[in-house]
N, C-alpha and C. Protein backbone atom coordinates (compact mmCIF):
# COMPACT_ATOMS: atom_id res chain seq x y z
N UNK A 1 0.81 -1.19 0.00
CA UNK A 1 0.00 0.00 0.00
C UNK A 1 0.86 1.26 0.00
N UNK A 2 1.96 1.24 0.75
CA UNK A 2 2.84 2.41 0.78
C UNK A 2 3.44 2.67 -0.59
N UNK A 3 3.79 1.59 -1.30
CA UNK A 3 4.37 1.76 -2.64
C UNK A 3 3.38 2.41 -3.59
N UNK A 4 2.12 2.01 -3.51
CA UNK A 4 1.10 2.59 -4.40
C UNK A 4 0.95 4.09 -4.10
N UNK A 5 0.89 4.44 -2.84
CA UNK A 5 0.78 5.86 -2.47
C UNK A 5 1.98 6.65 -2.92
N UNK A 6 3.15 6.05 -2.78
CA UNK A 6 4.39 6.71 -3.20
C UNK A 6 4.41 6.89 -4.72
N UNK A 7 3.96 5.88 -5.44
CA UNK A 7 3.92 5.97 -6.91
C UNK A 7 2.97 7.06 -7.36
N UNK A 8 1.83 7.18 -6.71
CA UNK A 8 0.87 8.23 -7.05
C UNK A 8 1.49 9.60 -6.78
N UNK A 9 2.17 9.74 -5.65
CA UNK A 9 2.81 11.02 -5.31
C UNK A 9 3.88 11.38 -6.33
N UNK A 10 4.66 10.39 -6.78
CA UNK A 10 5.70 10.64 -7.77
C UNK A 10 5.07 11.04 -9.10
N UNK A 11 4.02 10.35 -9.52
CA UNK A 11 3.34 10.69 -10.77
C UNK A 11 2.76 12.11 -10.70
N UNK A 12 2.15 12.46 -9.57
CA UNK A 12 1.58 13.79 -9.41
C UNK A 12 2.68 14.85 -9.49
N UNK A 13 3.82 14.58 -8.88
CA UNK A 13 4.94 15.53 -8.92
C UNK A 13 5.45 15.69 -10.35
N UNK A 14 5.51 14.61 -11.12
CA UNK A 14 5.96 14.70 -12.50
C UNK A 14 4.99 15.49 -13.35
N UNK A 15 3.71 15.30 -13.15
CA UNK A 15 2.69 16.05 -13.89
C UNK A 15 2.81 17.54 -13.56
N UNK A 16 2.95 17.88 -12.28
CA UNK A 16 3.10 19.28 -11.89
C UNK A 16 4.37 19.88 -12.47
N UNK A 17 5.45 19.13 -12.46
CA UNK A 17 6.71 19.62 -13.02
C UNK A 17 6.58 19.85 -14.51
N UNK A 18 5.90 18.96 -15.21
CA UNK A 18 5.70 19.11 -16.65
C UNK A 18 4.87 20.35 -16.93
N UNK A 19 3.83 20.61 -16.12
CA UNK A 19 3.01 21.81 -16.29
C UNK A 19 3.81 23.07 -16.05
N UNK A 20 4.67 23.05 -15.03
CA UNK A 20 5.51 24.21 -14.74
C UNK A 20 6.50 24.44 -15.87
N UNK A 21 7.06 23.36 -16.42
CA UNK A 21 8.01 23.49 -17.53
C UNK A 21 7.32 24.08 -18.75
N UNK A 22 6.07 23.68 -19.00
CA UNK A 22 5.33 24.22 -20.13
C UNK A 22 5.13 25.72 -19.96
N UNK A 23 4.88 26.16 -18.72
CA UNK A 23 4.70 27.58 -18.46
C UNK A 23 5.99 28.36 -18.75
N UNK A 24 7.15 27.72 -18.58
CA UNK A 24 8.42 28.39 -18.77
C UNK A 24 8.93 28.29 -20.21
N UNK A 25 8.26 27.52 -21.04
CA UNK A 25 8.68 27.33 -22.42
C UNK A 25 8.68 28.66 -23.17
N UNK A 26 9.76 28.91 -23.90
CA UNK A 26 9.86 30.11 -24.73
C UNK A 26 9.60 29.71 -26.17
N UNK A 27 8.74 30.48 -26.84
CA UNK A 27 8.43 30.23 -28.24
C UNK A 27 8.96 31.39 -29.08
N UNK A 28 9.58 31.08 -30.20
CA UNK A 28 10.09 32.10 -31.10
C UNK A 28 9.06 32.32 -32.22
N UNK A 29 8.54 33.52 -32.31
CA UNK A 29 7.51 33.84 -33.31
C UNK A 29 8.15 34.20 -34.65
N UNK A 30 7.37 34.16 -35.73
CA UNK A 30 7.92 34.52 -37.05
C UNK A 30 8.56 35.91 -37.07
N UNK A 31 8.07 36.83 -36.26
CA UNK A 31 8.64 38.18 -36.21
C UNK A 31 9.98 38.23 -35.49
N UNK A 32 10.34 37.13 -34.80
CA UNK A 32 11.57 37.10 -34.03
C UNK A 32 11.35 37.35 -32.55
N UNK A 33 10.14 37.70 -32.16
CA UNK A 33 9.81 37.95 -30.77
C UNK A 33 9.74 36.63 -30.00
N UNK A 34 10.30 36.60 -28.79
CA UNK A 34 10.23 35.42 -27.93
C UNK A 34 9.11 35.61 -26.93
N UNK A 35 8.18 34.65 -26.87
CA UNK A 35 7.03 34.75 -25.97
C UNK A 35 6.99 33.56 -25.02
N UNK A 36 6.26 33.77 -23.92
CA UNK A 36 6.00 32.71 -22.95
C UNK A 36 4.49 32.64 -22.73
N UNK A 37 4.01 31.44 -22.45
CA UNK A 37 2.60 31.26 -22.14
C UNK A 37 2.36 31.69 -20.70
N UNK A 38 1.40 32.59 -20.50
CA UNK A 38 1.03 32.98 -19.14
C UNK A 38 0.00 32.01 -18.59
N UNK A 39 -1.07 31.77 -19.38
CA UNK A 39 -2.13 30.89 -18.91
C UNK A 39 -3.07 30.55 -20.05
N UNK A 40 -3.89 29.52 -19.82
CA UNK A 40 -4.96 29.14 -20.74
C UNK A 40 -6.24 29.17 -19.93
N UNK A 41 -7.23 29.89 -20.44
CA UNK A 41 -8.52 30.01 -19.77
C UNK A 41 -9.61 29.48 -20.70
N UNK A 42 -10.67 28.97 -20.13
CA UNK A 42 -11.83 28.56 -20.92
C UNK A 42 -13.07 29.21 -20.34
N UNK A 43 -14.00 29.52 -21.21
CA UNK A 43 -15.29 30.04 -20.76
C UNK A 43 -16.34 29.77 -21.83
N UNK A 44 -17.56 30.02 -21.48
CA UNK A 44 -18.67 29.79 -22.38
C UNK A 44 -19.55 31.03 -22.46
N UNK A 45 -19.13 32.02 -23.26
CA UNK A 45 -20.07 33.13 -23.47
C UNK A 45 -21.23 32.62 -24.31
N UNK A 46 -22.13 33.45 -24.68
CA UNK A 46 -23.34 33.03 -25.37
C UNK A 46 -23.16 32.17 -26.60
N UNK A 47 -22.03 32.26 -27.29
CA UNK A 47 -21.89 31.55 -28.57
C UNK A 47 -21.01 30.31 -28.52
N UNK A 48 -20.77 29.75 -27.35
CA UNK A 48 -20.04 28.49 -27.27
C UNK A 48 -18.75 28.57 -26.48
N UNK A 49 -18.07 27.44 -26.45
CA UNK A 49 -16.84 27.30 -25.69
C UNK A 49 -15.71 28.11 -26.33
N UNK A 50 -14.98 28.85 -25.49
CA UNK A 50 -13.85 29.67 -25.94
C UNK A 50 -12.61 29.28 -25.14
N UNK A 51 -11.52 29.06 -25.85
CA UNK A 51 -10.22 28.85 -25.22
C UNK A 51 -9.42 30.12 -25.40
N UNK A 52 -8.85 30.63 -24.32
CA UNK A 52 -8.02 31.85 -24.36
C UNK A 52 -6.59 31.47 -24.00
N UNK A 53 -5.69 31.66 -24.95
CA UNK A 53 -4.27 31.43 -24.73
C UNK A 53 -3.63 32.79 -24.55
N UNK A 54 -3.10 33.04 -23.34
CA UNK A 54 -2.54 34.35 -23.01
C UNK A 54 -1.01 34.24 -22.94
N UNK A 55 -0.35 34.99 -23.82
CA UNK A 55 1.10 34.99 -23.92
C UNK A 55 1.65 36.36 -23.53
N UNK A 56 2.93 36.38 -23.16
CA UNK A 56 3.59 37.66 -22.92
C UNK A 56 5.03 37.60 -23.41
N UNK A 57 5.55 38.77 -23.74
CA UNK A 57 6.94 38.93 -24.18
C UNK A 57 7.42 40.26 -23.63
N UNK A 58 8.44 40.20 -22.80
CA UNK A 58 8.93 41.42 -22.17
C UNK A 58 9.44 42.43 -23.19
N UNK A 59 9.84 41.97 -24.38
CA UNK A 59 10.34 42.87 -25.42
C UNK A 59 9.23 43.38 -26.35
N UNK A 60 7.98 43.05 -26.06
CA UNK A 60 6.87 43.45 -26.92
C UNK A 60 6.61 44.95 -26.80
N UNK A 61 6.72 45.63 -27.91
CA UNK A 61 6.45 47.06 -27.99
C UNK A 61 5.51 47.26 -29.17
N UNK A 62 4.47 48.02 -28.97
CA UNK A 62 3.49 48.25 -30.03
C UNK A 62 3.87 49.50 -30.82
N UNK A 63 4.10 49.31 -32.11
CA UNK A 63 4.43 50.42 -33.00
C UNK A 63 3.81 50.12 -34.36
N UNK A 64 3.83 51.09 -35.26
CA UNK A 64 3.28 50.87 -36.60
C UNK A 64 3.99 49.72 -37.30
N UNK A 65 5.30 49.61 -37.13
CA UNK A 65 6.06 48.53 -37.77
C UNK A 65 5.66 47.17 -37.21
N UNK A 66 5.42 47.09 -35.92
CA UNK A 66 5.05 45.83 -35.27
C UNK A 66 3.63 45.42 -35.64
N UNK A 67 2.74 46.39 -35.81
CA UNK A 67 1.34 46.07 -36.13
C UNK A 67 1.23 45.20 -37.37
N UNK A 68 2.13 45.38 -38.33
CA UNK A 68 2.08 44.59 -39.56
C UNK A 68 2.37 43.11 -39.30
N UNK A 69 3.18 42.82 -38.29
CA UNK A 69 3.54 41.42 -38.04
C UNK A 69 2.73 40.78 -36.91
N UNK A 70 1.97 41.57 -36.17
CA UNK A 70 1.24 41.03 -35.01
C UNK A 70 0.22 39.97 -35.43
N UNK A 71 -0.58 40.23 -36.45
CA UNK A 71 -1.57 39.24 -36.87
C UNK A 71 -0.90 37.95 -37.31
N UNK A 72 0.21 38.04 -38.02
CA UNK A 72 0.94 36.83 -38.43
C UNK A 72 1.43 36.06 -37.21
N UNK A 73 1.95 36.78 -36.20
CA UNK A 73 2.40 36.12 -34.97
C UNK A 73 1.26 35.46 -34.23
N UNK A 74 0.13 36.15 -34.11
CA UNK A 74 -1.02 35.59 -33.38
C UNK A 74 -1.60 34.39 -34.13
N UNK A 75 -1.63 34.46 -35.44
CA UNK A 75 -2.10 33.33 -36.25
C UNK A 75 -1.16 32.14 -36.07
N UNK A 76 0.15 32.40 -36.07
CA UNK A 76 1.14 31.34 -35.86
C UNK A 76 0.92 30.68 -34.50
N UNK A 77 0.71 31.48 -33.44
CA UNK A 77 0.46 30.93 -32.10
C UNK A 77 -0.80 30.07 -32.09
N UNK A 78 -1.83 30.50 -32.81
CA UNK A 78 -3.07 29.73 -32.85
C UNK A 78 -2.85 28.40 -33.57
N UNK A 79 -2.24 28.45 -34.75
CA UNK A 79 -2.10 27.24 -35.56
C UNK A 79 -1.00 26.30 -35.09
N UNK A 80 0.11 26.84 -34.61
CA UNK A 80 1.26 26.01 -34.24
C UNK A 80 1.30 25.65 -32.77
N UNK A 81 0.54 26.38 -31.94
CA UNK A 81 0.57 26.10 -30.51
C UNK A 81 -0.81 25.68 -30.00
N UNK A 82 -1.78 26.55 -30.16
CA UNK A 82 -3.09 26.33 -29.54
C UNK A 82 -3.83 25.11 -30.11
N UNK A 83 -3.88 24.97 -31.42
CA UNK A 83 -4.65 23.87 -32.01
C UNK A 83 -4.22 22.51 -31.49
N UNK A 84 -2.93 22.31 -31.33
CA UNK A 84 -2.44 21.01 -30.88
C UNK A 84 -2.73 20.75 -29.41
N UNK A 85 -3.18 21.76 -28.70
CA UNK A 85 -3.46 21.61 -27.27
C UNK A 85 -4.96 21.56 -26.96
N UNK A 86 -5.77 21.53 -27.98
CA UNK A 86 -7.22 21.39 -27.77
C UNK A 86 -7.53 19.95 -27.40
N UNK A 87 -8.61 19.73 -26.66
CA UNK A 87 -8.95 18.35 -26.29
C UNK A 87 -9.27 17.51 -27.53
N UNK A 88 -8.88 16.25 -27.45
CA UNK A 88 -9.15 15.33 -28.56
C UNK A 88 -10.59 14.84 -28.49
N UNK A 89 -11.10 14.67 -27.27
CA UNK A 89 -12.49 14.27 -27.09
C UNK A 89 -13.17 15.31 -26.21
N UNK A 90 -14.48 15.31 -26.25
CA UNK A 90 -15.23 16.26 -25.43
C UNK A 90 -15.58 17.51 -26.21
N UNK A 91 -16.11 18.49 -25.52
CA UNK A 91 -16.54 19.72 -26.20
C UNK A 91 -15.37 20.42 -26.89
N UNK A 92 -15.60 20.84 -28.10
CA UNK A 92 -14.60 21.57 -28.87
C UNK A 92 -14.94 23.07 -28.85
N UNK A 93 -13.93 23.91 -28.82
CA UNK A 93 -14.21 25.35 -28.78
C UNK A 93 -14.74 25.86 -30.11
N UNK A 94 -15.60 26.84 -30.03
CA UNK A 94 -16.07 27.50 -31.24
C UNK A 94 -15.12 28.64 -31.60
N UNK A 95 -14.31 29.05 -30.60
CA UNK A 95 -13.40 30.16 -30.79
C UNK A 95 -12.13 29.96 -29.97
N UNK A 96 -11.03 30.45 -30.52
CA UNK A 96 -9.75 30.51 -29.81
C UNK A 96 -9.33 31.97 -29.81
N UNK A 97 -9.04 32.50 -28.64
CA UNK A 97 -8.55 33.87 -28.53
C UNK A 97 -7.09 33.81 -28.12
N UNK A 98 -6.26 34.48 -28.91
CA UNK A 98 -4.83 34.55 -28.63
C UNK A 98 -4.52 35.99 -28.22
N UNK A 99 -3.90 36.15 -27.06
CA UNK A 99 -3.50 37.49 -26.65
C UNK A 99 -2.00 37.53 -26.41
N UNK A 100 -1.44 38.71 -26.61
CA UNK A 100 -0.01 38.93 -26.42
C UNK A 100 0.16 40.25 -25.69
N UNK A 101 0.91 40.21 -24.59
CA UNK A 101 1.14 41.40 -23.78
C UNK A 101 2.63 41.56 -23.49
N UNK A 102 2.99 42.71 -22.97
CA UNK A 102 4.40 42.94 -22.65
C UNK A 102 4.78 42.43 -21.27
N UNK A 103 3.79 42.01 -20.48
CA UNK A 103 4.05 41.41 -19.17
C UNK A 103 2.79 40.68 -18.71
N UNK A 104 2.94 39.75 -17.78
CA UNK A 104 1.76 39.06 -17.27
C UNK A 104 0.80 40.05 -16.61
N UNK A 105 -0.48 39.75 -16.71
CA UNK A 105 -1.51 40.60 -16.11
C UNK A 105 -2.70 39.73 -15.72
N UNK A 106 -3.54 40.29 -14.88
CA UNK A 106 -4.74 39.57 -14.45
C UNK A 106 -5.81 39.69 -15.54
N UNK A 107 -6.40 38.57 -15.91
CA UNK A 107 -7.42 38.56 -16.96
C UNK A 107 -8.63 39.39 -16.55
N UNK A 108 -9.09 40.22 -17.45
CA UNK A 108 -10.31 41.00 -17.23
C UNK A 108 -10.13 42.25 -16.39
N UNK A 109 -8.90 42.53 -15.97
CA UNK A 109 -8.65 43.71 -15.15
C UNK A 109 -7.83 44.69 -15.98
N UNK A 110 -8.35 45.89 -16.17
CA UNK A 110 -7.65 46.91 -16.95
C UNK A 110 -6.43 47.40 -16.19
N UNK A 111 -5.29 47.39 -16.87
CA UNK A 111 -4.05 47.90 -16.31
C UNK A 111 -3.42 48.79 -17.37
N UNK A 112 -3.41 50.11 -17.16
CA UNK A 112 -2.88 51.02 -18.18
C UNK A 112 -1.39 50.83 -18.46
N UNK A 113 -0.70 50.11 -17.59
CA UNK A 113 0.73 49.87 -17.78
C UNK A 113 1.02 48.63 -18.61
N UNK A 114 -0.01 47.92 -19.04
CA UNK A 114 0.17 46.70 -19.83
C UNK A 114 -0.20 46.98 -21.28
N UNK A 115 0.71 46.66 -22.18
CA UNK A 115 0.43 46.74 -23.61
C UNK A 115 -0.07 45.37 -24.02
N UNK A 116 -1.25 45.31 -24.65
CA UNK A 116 -1.82 44.00 -25.00
C UNK A 116 -2.59 44.08 -26.30
N UNK A 117 -2.48 43.03 -27.09
CA UNK A 117 -3.28 42.85 -28.29
C UNK A 117 -3.90 41.47 -28.23
N UNK A 118 -5.04 41.30 -28.87
CA UNK A 118 -5.64 39.97 -28.95
C UNK A 118 -6.49 39.87 -30.19
N UNK A 119 -6.61 38.65 -30.67
CA UNK A 119 -7.43 38.34 -31.85
C UNK A 119 -8.19 37.05 -31.60
N UNK A 120 -9.29 36.91 -32.30
CA UNK A 120 -10.15 35.74 -32.19
C UNK A 120 -10.08 34.93 -33.47
N UNK A 121 -10.06 33.60 -33.32
CA UNK A 121 -9.98 32.70 -34.45
C UNK A 121 -11.02 31.59 -34.30
N UNK A 122 -11.51 31.08 -35.42
CA UNK A 122 -12.34 29.89 -35.44
C UNK A 122 -11.49 28.71 -35.87
N UNK A 123 -11.44 27.65 -35.05
CA UNK A 123 -10.69 26.46 -35.50
C UNK A 123 -11.51 25.73 -36.57
N UNK A 124 -10.95 25.62 -37.78
CA UNK A 124 -11.66 24.97 -38.88
C UNK A 124 -10.70 24.13 -39.70
N UNK A 125 -10.91 22.83 -39.67
CA UNK A 125 -10.13 21.91 -40.50
C UNK A 125 -8.64 21.98 -40.27
N UNK A 126 -8.21 22.09 -39.03
CA UNK A 126 -6.79 22.14 -38.73
C UNK A 126 -6.15 23.49 -38.96
N UNK A 127 -6.96 24.52 -39.16
CA UNK A 127 -6.42 25.88 -39.35
C UNK A 127 -7.17 26.85 -38.43
N UNK A 128 -6.60 28.00 -38.26
CA UNK A 128 -7.25 29.06 -37.47
C UNK A 128 -7.70 30.15 -38.43
N UNK A 129 -8.99 30.37 -38.48
CA UNK A 129 -9.56 31.39 -39.36
C UNK A 129 -9.81 32.64 -38.53
N UNK A 130 -9.16 33.74 -38.91
CA UNK A 130 -9.26 35.00 -38.20
C UNK A 130 -10.67 35.55 -38.26
N UNK A 131 -11.17 36.01 -37.13
CA UNK A 131 -12.50 36.62 -37.05
C UNK A 131 -12.34 38.07 -36.62
N UNK A 132 -13.24 38.90 -37.02
CA UNK A 132 -13.27 40.26 -36.48
C UNK A 132 -13.81 40.17 -35.08
N UNK A 133 -13.07 40.67 -34.13
CA UNK A 133 -13.43 40.53 -32.72
C UNK A 133 -14.12 41.76 -32.21
């Protein structure tokens, strides 16, 4: 019995460590910006299940030059990161929202010191289709 309890504790520790490592993973975007995943949230507003992938990059600065590459970066995050992390079984999201900020922040709380952009996508046939949000 002690061995079974110990094995469960070891498995739980490995799962937690893997989750922490995923949080620390750095992703290189097509624009060259390095981002980290802050969190993944799910909710069900009136039109179905939504997955929100919230990323941050300390070097993220919003300028006219950056605006041209932001949609490409957010689309890349949706297609290359978010889609592969959706559940294989169970309810599927009708929308994926990808956000990018210059630092971690609390979801839904306005902070004038945080620069943030976000876009909404519909997962369709293994691709992310950009929606007007």
